[in-house]
Structure formats: C-alpha cells, structure tokens
C-alpha cells in the first residue's frame, strides 16, 4: 500500500509512516522510488506484535503468529504460496 493509505489506516502522518518503514522495516523502496508499505507488517506493528513482525521479517510466513495477519488481510495465498 502507499504511505498515504497506510497513514489513513494508522491515523498517522505520511512522514510517520516513512519513518516506521525506515526504522521498523515495514515497507520497502525500489530503486529510490516511493515507499511501499506491507499491509501485514503494518498490522503487526500497529498491534505491537514484535514477535510476529520479527518472524515475518525473517521470512517465516508459516509461523502460527504470522499467518493470521495474512488471513486478516485476505492474503492467505501469499503466506502459503
């Protein structure tokens, strides 16, 4: 999602979302382009679920703490490929 969409969902400014992307790895930039925010990582961060976010960032999508976030966003196929 865009930083504008994430800001609306989180009720924060786009600047805050960009800082979260940089500081907490909830988003990415490709070739210096705009930040793209992971819906799943944002939900984990907003829920204060550091264990799930850590597992997600390590690539462990099948972990019991991680896949419910994919399901909540309607992204189950991305978790289980």
PDB file of N, CA and C in Angstrom:
ATOM      1  N   UNK A   1       0.840  -1.166   0.000  1.00  0.00           N
ATOM      2  CA  UNK A   1       0.000   0.000   0.000  1.00  0.00           C
ATOM      3  C   UNK A   1       0.890   1.236   0.000  1.00  0.00           C
ATOM      4  N   UNK A   2       0.349   2.347  -0.395  1.00  0.00           N
ATOM      5  CA  UNK A   2       1.109   3.596  -0.407  1.00  0.00           C
ATOM      6  C   UNK A   2       1.237   4.140   1.013  1.00  0.00           C
ATOM      7  N   UNK A   3       2.136   5.092   1.188  1.00  0.00           N
ATOM      8  CA  UNK A   3       2.263   5.707   2.506  1.00  0.00           C
ATOM      9  C   UNK A   3       0.997   6.487   2.864  1.00  0.00           C
ATOM     10  N   UNK A   4       0.313   7.029   1.873  1.00  0.00           N
ATOM     11  CA  UNK A   4      -0.942   7.741   2.137  1.00  0.00           C
ATOM     12  C   UNK A   4      -2.005   6.782   2.657  1.00  0.00           C
ATOM     13  N   UNK A   5      -2.114   5.609   2.042  1.00  0.00           N
ATOM     14  CA  UNK A   5      -3.082   4.606   2.502  1.00  0.00           C
ATOM     15  C   UNK A   5      -2.734   4.117   3.904  1.00  0.00           C
ATOM     16  N   UNK A   6      -1.459   3.881   4.138  1.00  0.00           N
ATOM     17  CA  UNK A   6      -1.016   3.419   5.458  1.00  0.00           C
ATOM     18  C   UNK A   6      -1.268   4.486   6.517  1.00  0.00           C
ATOM     19  N   UNK A   7      -1.017   5.744   6.174  1.00  0.00           N
ATOM     20  CA  UNK A   7      -1.243   6.838   7.113  1.00  0.00           C
ATOM     21  C   UNK A   7      -2.710   6.924   7.501  1.00  0.00           C
ATOM     22  N   UNK A   8      -3.581   6.752   6.528  1.00  0.00           N
ATOM     23  CA  UNK A   8      -5.013   6.787   6.814  1.00  0.00           C
ATOM     24  C   UNK A   8      -5.404   5.627   7.720  1.00  0.00           C
ATOM     25  N   UNK A   9      -4.912   4.444   7.415  1.00  0.00           N
ATOM     26  CA  UNK A   9      -5.248   3.262   8.211  1.00  0.00           C
ATOM     27  C   UNK A   9      -4.722   3.394   9.647  1.00  0.00           C
ATOM     28  N   UNK A  10      -3.524   3.943   9.795  1.00  0.00           N
ATOM     29  CA  UNK A  10      -2.892   4.049  11.111  1.00  0.00           C
ATOM     30  C   UNK A  10      -3.264   5.334  11.854  1.00  0.00           C
ATOM     31  N   UNK A  11      -3.952   6.232  11.166  1.00  0.00           N
ATOM     32  CA  UNK A  11      -4.295   7.538  11.723  1.00  0.00           C
ATOM     33  C   UNK A  11      -3.031   8.304  12.140  1.00  0.00           C
ATOM     34  N   UNK A  12      -2.057   8.284  11.248  1.00  0.00           N
ATOM     35  CA  UNK A  12      -0.782   8.960  11.448  1.00  0.00           C
ATOM     36  C   UNK A  12      -0.451   9.736  10.173  1.00  0.00           C
ATOM     37  N   UNK A  13       0.606  10.517  10.217  1.00  0.00           N
ATOM     38  CA  UNK A  13       1.019  11.261   9.027  1.00  0.00           C
ATOM     39  C   UNK A  13       1.850  10.365   8.111  1.00  0.00           C
ATOM     40  N   UNK A  14       1.950  10.771   6.856  1.00  0.00           N
ATOM     41  CA  UNK A  14       2.810  10.035   5.925  1.00  0.00           C
ATOM     42  C   UNK A  14       4.264  10.078   6.381  1.00  0.00           C
ATOM     43  N   UNK A  15       4.670  11.172   6.967  1.00  0.00           N
ATOM     44  CA  UNK A  15       6.047  11.275   7.476  1.00  0.00           C
ATOM     45  C   UNK A  15       6.301  10.201   8.531  1.00  0.00           C
ATOM     46  N   UNK A  16       5.357  10.019   9.429  1.00  0.00           N
ATOM     47  CA  UNK A  16       5.493   8.977  10.454  1.00  0.00           C
ATOM     48  C   UNK A  16       5.583   7.605   9.815  1.00  0.00           C
ATOM     49  N   UNK A  17       4.758   7.355   8.816  1.00  0.00           N
ATOM     50  CA  UNK A  17       4.782   6.054   8.134  1.00  0.00           C
ATOM     51  C   UNK A  17       6.136   5.835   7.472  1.00  0.00           C
ATOM     52  N   UNK A  18       6.677   6.851   6.830  1.00  0.00           N
ATOM     53  CA  UNK A  18       8.003   6.719   6.207  1.00  0.00           C
ATOM     54  C   UNK A  18       9.075   6.415   7.259  1.00  0.00           C
ATOM     55  N   UNK A  19       8.985   7.052   8.421  1.00  0.00           N
ATOM     56  CA  UNK A  19       9.942   6.766   9.498  1.00  0.00           C
ATOM     57  C   UNK A  19       9.788   5.328   9.988  1.00  0.00           C
ATOM     58  N   UNK A  20       8.542   4.857  10.121  1.00  0.00           N
ATOM     59  CA  UNK A  20       8.316   3.467  10.540  1.00  0.00           C
ATOM     60  C   UNK A  20       8.889   2.506   9.506  1.00  0.00           C
ATOM     61  N   UNK A  21       8.721   2.834   8.233  1.00  0.00           N
ATOM     62  CA  UNK A  21       9.285   1.979   7.175  1.00  0.00           C
ATOM     63  C   UNK A  21      10.794   1.875   7.334  1.00  0.00           C
ATOM     64  N   UNK A  22      11.419   2.994   7.548  1.00  0.00           N
ATOM     65  CA  UNK A  22      12.876   3.028   7.689  1.00  0.00           C
ATOM     66  C   UNK A  22      13.339   2.369   8.989  1.00  0.00           C
ATOM     67  N   UNK A  23      12.670   2.688  10.094  1.00  0.00           N
ATOM     68  CA  UNK A  23      13.138   2.251  11.412  1.00  0.00           C
ATOM     69  C   UNK A  23      12.679   0.854  11.814  1.00  0.00           C
ATOM     70  N   UNK A  24      11.547   0.406  11.252  1.00  0.00           N
ATOM     71  CA  UNK A  24      10.969  -0.874  11.677  1.00  0.00           C
ATOM     72  C   UNK A  24      10.775  -1.855  10.522  1.00  0.00           C
ATOM     73  N   UNK A  25      11.264  -1.489   9.356  1.00  0.00           N
ATOM     74  CA  UNK A  25      11.239  -2.380   8.181  1.00  0.00           C
ATOM     75  C   UNK A  25       9.840  -2.843   7.782  1.00  0.00           C
ATOM     76  N   UNK A  26       8.860  -1.950   7.886  1.00  0.00           N
ATOM     77  CA  UNK A  26       7.501  -2.345   7.499  1.00  0.00           C
ATOM     78  C   UNK A  26       7.195  -2.016   6.040  1.00  0.00           C
ATOM     79  N   UNK A  27       8.174  -1.452   5.337  1.00  0.00           N
ATOM     80  CA  UNK A  27       7.988  -1.120   3.925  1.00  0.00           C
ATOM     81  C   UNK A  27       9.291  -1.240   3.174  1.00  0.00           C
ATOM     82  N   UNK A  28       9.214  -0.929   1.886  1.00  0.00           N
ATOM     83  CA  UNK A  28      10.412  -1.024   1.048  1.00  0.00           C
ATOM     84  C   UNK A  28      10.357   0.038  -0.036  1.00  0.00           C
ATOM     85  N   UNK A  29      11.521   0.324  -0.573  1.00  0.00           N
ATOM     86  CA  UNK A  29      11.655   1.230  -1.714  1.00  0.00           C
ATOM     87  C   UNK A  29      12.417   0.487  -2.791  1.00  0.00           C
ATOM     88  N   UNK A  30      11.990   0.647  -4.018  1.00  0.00           N
ATOM     89  CA  UNK A  30      12.679   0.025  -5.144  1.00  0.00           C
ATOM     90  C   UNK A  30      13.327   1.129  -5.968  1.00  0.00           C
ATOM     91  N   UNK A  31      14.627   1.029  -6.135  1.00  0.00           N
ATOM     92  CA  UNK A  31      15.397   1.974  -6.960  1.00  0.00           C
ATOM     93  C   UNK A  31      15.130   3.428  -6.582  1.00  0.00           C
ATOM     94  N   UNK A  32      15.041   3.699  -5.280  1.00  0.00           N
ATOM     95  CA  UNK A  32      14.853   5.068  -4.822  1.00  0.00           C
ATOM     96  C   UNK A  32      13.461   5.618  -5.037  1.00  0.00           C
ATOM     97  N   UNK A  33      12.523   4.767  -5.412  1.00  0.00           N
ATOM     98  CA  UNK A  33      11.147   5.191  -5.622  1.00  0.00           C
ATOM     99  C   UNK A  33      10.425   5.433  -4.305  1.00  0.00           C
ATOM    100  N   UNK A  34       9.118   5.603  -4.375  1.00  0.00           N
ATOM    101  CA  UNK A  34       8.346   5.857  -3.156  1.00  0.00           C
ATOM    102  C   UNK A  34       8.285   4.609  -2.267  1.00  0.00           C
ATOM    103  N   UNK A  35       8.059   4.832  -0.987  1.00  0.00           N
ATOM    104  CA  UNK A  35       7.893   3.724  -0.058  1.00  0.00           C
ATOM    105  C   UNK A  35       6.610   2.973  -0.376  1.00  0.00           C
ATOM    106  N   UNK A  36       6.682   1.665  -0.299  1.00  0.00           N
ATOM    107  CA  UNK A  36       5.512   0.795  -0.365  1.00  0.00           C
ATOM    108  C   UNK A  36       5.452   0.064   0.966  1.00  0.00           C
ATOM    109  N   UNK A  37       4.308   0.113   1.613  1.00  0.00           N
ATOM    110  CA  UNK A  37       4.149  -0.420   2.961  1.00  0.00           C
ATOM    111  C   UNK A  37       3.478  -1.785   2.896  1.00  0.00           C
ATOM    112  N   UNK A  38       4.020  -2.734   3.640  1.00  0.00           N
ATOM    113  CA  UNK A  38       3.415  -4.056   3.742  1.00  0.00           C
ATOM    114  C   UNK A  38       2.183  -3.972   4.638  1.00  0.00           C
ATOM    115  N   UNK A  39       1.029  -4.377   4.111  1.00  0.00           N
ATOM    116  CA  UNK A  39      -0.198  -4.393   4.917  1.00  0.00           C
ATOM    117  C   UNK A  39      -0.026  -5.276   6.147  1.00  0.00           C
ATOM    118  N   UNK A  40       0.607  -6.419   5.934  1.00  0.00           N
ATOM    119  CA  UNK A  40       0.805  -7.389   7.010  1.00  0.00           C
ATOM    120  C   UNK A  40       1.739  -6.819   8.075  1.00  0.00           C
ATOM    121  N   UNK A  41       2.873  -6.275   7.660  1.00  0.00           N
ATOM    122  CA  UNK A  41       3.833  -5.717   8.617  1.00  0.00           C
ATOM    123  C   UNK A  41       3.242  -4.523   9.360  1.00  0.00           C
ATOM    124  N   UNK A  42       2.470  -3.693   8.670  1.00  0.00           N
ATOM    125  CA  UNK A  42       1.835  -2.555   9.326  1.00  0.00           C
ATOM    126  C   UNK A  42       0.873  -3.035  10.403  1.00  0.00           C
ATOM    127  N   UNK A  43       0.069  -4.036  10.101  1.00  0.00           N
ATOM    128  CA  UNK A  43      -0.875  -4.571  11.090  1.00  0.00           C
ATOM    129  C   UNK A  43      -0.132  -5.113  12.307  1.00  0.00           C
ATOM    130  N   UNK A  44       0.948  -5.832  12.073  1.00  0.00           N
ATOM    131  CA  UNK A  44       1.748  -6.367  13.180  1.00  0.00           C
ATOM    132  C   UNK A  44       2.306  -5.232  14.029  1.00  0.00           C
ATOM    133  N   UNK A  45       2.831  -4.207  13.372  1.00  0.00           N
ATOM    134  CA  UNK A  45       3.412  -3.075  14.085  1.00  0.00           C
ATOM    135  C   UNK A  45       2.338  -2.345  14.897  1.00  0.00           C
ATOM    136  N   UNK A  46       1.193  -2.087  14.287  1.00  0.00           N
ATOM    137  CA  UNK A  46       0.118  -1.388  14.993  1.00  0.00           C
ATOM    138  C   UNK A  46      -0.409  -2.193  16.172  1.00  0.00           C
ATOM    139  N   UNK A  47      -0.363  -3.516  16.068  1.00  0.00           N
ATOM    140  CA  UNK A  47      -0.799  -4.385  17.168  1.00  0.00           C
ATOM    141  C   UNK A  47       0.283  -4.574  18.223  1.00  0.00           C
ATOM    142  N   UNK A  48       1.458  -4.036  17.985  1.00  0.00           N
ATOM    143  CA  UNK A  48       2.548  -4.191  18.935  1.00  0.00           C
ATOM    144  C   UNK A  48       3.068  -5.611  19.020  1.00  0.00           C
ATOM    145  N   UNK A  49       2.883  -6.370  17.942  1.00  0.00           N
ATOM    146  CA  UNK A  49       3.264  -7.785  17.916  1.00  0.00           C
ATOM    147  C   UNK A  49       4.685  -7.930  17.364  1.00  0.00           C
ATOM    148  N   UNK A  50       5.662  -7.611  18.208  1.00  0.00           N
ATOM    149  CA  UNK A  50       7.065  -7.637  17.791  1.00  0.00           C
ATOM    150  C   UNK A  50       7.520  -9.035  17.396  1.00  0.00           C
ATOM    151  N   UNK A  51       7.015 -10.059  18.080  1.00  0.00           N
ATOM    152  CA  UNK A  51       7.416 -11.436  17.756  1.00  0.00           C
ATOM    153  C   UNK A  51       6.956 -11.817  16.356  1.00  0.00           C
ATOM    154  N   UNK A  52       5.727 -11.470  16.011  1.00  0.00           N
ATOM    155  CA  UNK A  52       5.215 -11.772  14.674  1.00  0.00           C
ATOM    156  C   UNK A  52       5.974 -10.971  13.621  1.00  0.00           C
ATOM    157  N   UNK A  53       6.232  -9.700  13.896  1.00  0.00           N
ATOM    158  CA  UNK A  53       6.951  -8.865  12.932  1.00  0.00           C
ATOM    159  C   UNK A  53       8.368  -9.394  12.713  1.00  0.00           C
ATOM    160  N   UNK A  54       9.015  -9.808  13.772  1.00  0.00           N
ATOM    161  CA  UNK A  54      10.359 -10.372  13.654  1.00  0.00           C
ATOM    162  C   UNK A  54      10.348 -11.643  12.811  1.00  0.00           C
ATOM    163  N   UNK A  55       9.381 -12.521  13.056  1.00  0.00           N
ATOM    164  CA  UNK A  55       9.272 -13.760  12.272  1.00  0.00           C
ATOM    165  C   UNK A  55       8.978 -13.436  10.813  1.00  0.00           C
ATOM    166  N   UNK A  56       8.076 -12.492  10.567  1.00  0.00           N
ATOM    167  CA  UNK A  56       7.733 -12.083   9.205  1.00  0.00           C
ATOM    168  C   UNK A  56       8.963 -11.550   8.474  1.00  0.00           C
ATOM    169  N   UNK A  57       9.717 -10.687   9.141  1.00  0.00           N
ATOM    170  CA  UNK A  57      10.901 -10.103   8.519  1.00  0.00           C
ATOM    171  C   UNK A  57      11.987 -11.144   8.272  1.00  0.00           C
ATOM    172  N   UNK A  58      11.961 -12.224   9.043  1.00  0.00           N
ATOM    173  CA  UNK A  58      12.913 -13.324   8.844  1.00  0.00           C
ATOM    174  C   UNK A  58      12.449 -14.274   7.746  1.00  0.00           C
ATOM    175  N   UNK A  59      11.257 -14.016   7.191  1.00  0.00           N
ATOM    176  CA  UNK A  59      10.742 -14.843   6.100  1.00  0.00           C
ATOM    177  C   UNK A  59       9.922 -16.032   6.544  1.00  0.00           C
ATOM    178  N   UNK A  60       9.575 -16.091   7.828  1.00  0.00           N
ATOM    179  CA  UNK A  60       8.823 -17.222   8.371  1.00  0.00           C
ATOM    180  C   UNK A  60       7.323 -16.928   8.325  1.00  0.00           C
ATOM    181  N   UNK A  61       6.729 -17.104   7.163  1.00  0.00           N
ATOM    182  CA  UNK A  61       5.313 -16.778   6.978  1.00  0.00           C
ATOM    183  C   UNK A  61       4.375 -17.853   7.501  1.00  0.00           C
ATOM    184  N   UNK A  62       4.870 -19.044   7.710  1.00  0.00           N
ATOM    185  CA  UNK A  62       4.008 -20.142   8.156  1.00  0.00           C
ATOM    186  C   UNK A  62       3.880 -20.225   9.671  1.00  0.00           C
ATOM    187  N   UNK A  63       4.622 -19.439  10.368  1.00  0.00           N
ATOM    188  CA  UNK A  63       4.585 -19.454  11.822  1.00  0.00           C
ATOM    189  C   UNK A  63       3.198 -19.085  12.330  1.00  0.00           C
ATOM    190  N   UNK A  64       2.784 -19.701  13.416  1.00  0.00           N
ATOM    191  CA  UNK A  64       1.423 -19.500  13.915  1.00  0.00           C
ATOM    192  C   UNK A  64       1.134 -18.052  14.286  1.00  0.00           C
ATOM    193  N   UNK A  65       2.143 -17.268  14.616  1.00  0.00           N
ATOM    194  CA  UNK A  65       1.913 -15.858  14.937  1.00  0.00           C
ATOM    195  C   UNK A  65       1.804 -15.004  13.683  1.00  0.00           C
ATOM    196  N   UNK A  66       2.283 -15.503  12.549  1.00  0.00           N
ATOM    197  CA  UNK A  66       2.361 -14.700  11.330  1.00  0.00           C
ATOM    198  C   UNK A  66       1.165 -14.901  10.415  1.00  0.00           C
ATOM    199  N   UNK A  67       0.808 -16.141  10.115  1.00  0.00           N
ATOM    200  CA  UNK A  67      -0.211 -16.368   9.083  1.00  0.00           C
ATOM    201  C   UNK A  67      -1.567 -15.759   9.396  1.00  0.00           C
ATOM    202  N   UNK A  68      -1.989 -15.605  10.672  1.00  0.00           N
ATOM    203  CA  UNK A  68      -3.284 -14.947  10.892  1.00  0.00           C
ATOM    204  C   UNK A  68      -3.340 -13.514  10.347  1.00  0.00           C
ATOM    205  N   UNK A  69      -2.203 -12.845  10.312  1.00  0.00           N
ATOM    206  CA  UNK A  69      -2.177 -11.491   9.750  1.00  0.00           C
ATOM    207  C   UNK A  69      -2.412 -11.524   8.241  1.00  0.00           C
ATOM    208  N   UNK A  70      -1.847 -12.517   7.571  1.00  0.00           N
ATOM    209  CA  UNK A  70      -2.108 -12.683   6.139  1.00  0.00           C
ATOM    210  C   UNK A  70      -3.592 -12.957   5.914  1.00  0.00           C
ATOM    211  N   UNK A  71      -4.160 -13.831   6.738  1.00  0.00           N
ATOM    212  CA  UNK A  71      -5.578 -14.174   6.610  1.00  0.00           C
ATOM    213  C   UNK A  71      -6.456 -12.948   6.840  1.00  0.00           C
ATOM    214  N   UNK A  72      -6.129 -12.152   7.841  1.00  0.00           N
ATOM    215  CA  UNK A  72      -6.924 -10.961   8.151  1.00  0.00           C
ATOM    216  C   UNK A  72      -6.923  -9.956   7.004  1.00  0.00           C
ATOM    217  N   UNK A  73      -5.855  -9.941   6.231  1.00  0.00           N
ATOM    218  CA  UNK A  73      -5.750  -9.037   5.080  1.00  0.00           C
ATOM    219  C   UNK A  73      -6.234  -9.690   3.791  1.00  0.00           C
ATOM    220  N   UNK A  74      -6.711 -10.946   3.876  1.00  0.00           N
ATOM    221  CA  UNK A  74      -7.167 -11.659   2.681  1.00  0.00           C
ATOM    222  C   UNK A  74      -6.022 -12.096   1.785  1.00  0.00           C
ATOM    223  N   UNK A  75      -4.859 -12.338   2.377  1.00  0.00           N
ATOM    224  CA  UNK A  75      -3.656 -12.660   1.609  1.00  0.00           C
ATOM    225  C   UNK A  75      -3.120 -14.052   1.924  1.00  0.00           C
ATOM    226  N   UNK A  76      -3.998 -14.985   2.250  1.00  0.00           N
ATOM    227  CA  UNK A  76      -3.562 -16.332   2.628  1.00  0.00           C
ATOM    228  C   UNK A  76      -2.678 -16.973   1.573  1.00  0.00           C
ATOM    229  N   UNK A  77      -2.994 -16.741   0.297  1.00  0.00           N
ATOM    230  CA  UNK A  77      -2.222 -17.372  -0.776  1.00  0.00           C
ATOM    231  C   UNK A  77      -0.766 -16.911  -0.770  1.00  0.00           C
ATOM    232  N   UNK A  78      -0.495 -15.730  -0.249  1.00  0.00           N
ATOM    233  CA  UNK A  78       0.884 -15.255  -0.161  1.00  0.00           C
ATOM    234  C   UNK A  78       1.640 -15.918   0.985  1.00  0.00           C
ATOM    235  N   UNK A  79       0.912 -16.313   2.006  1.00  0.00           N
ATOM    236  CA  UNK A  79       1.555 -16.958   3.151  1.00  0.00           C
ATOM    237  C   UNK A  79       1.880 -18.410   2.854  1.00  0.00           C
ATOM    238  N   UNK A  80       1.027 -19.053   2.074  1.00  0.00           N
ATOM    239  CA  UNK A  80       1.184 -20.488   1.860  1.00  0.00           C
ATOM    240  C   UNK A  80       1.553 -20.847   0.434  1.00  0.00           C
ATOM    241  N   UNK A  81       1.649 -19.827  -0.430  1.00  0.00           N
ATOM    242  CA  UNK A  81       2.083 -19.981  -1.805  1.00  0.00           C
ATOM    243  C   UNK A  81       1.597 -21.184  -2.468  1.00  0.00           C
TER     244      UNK A  81
END
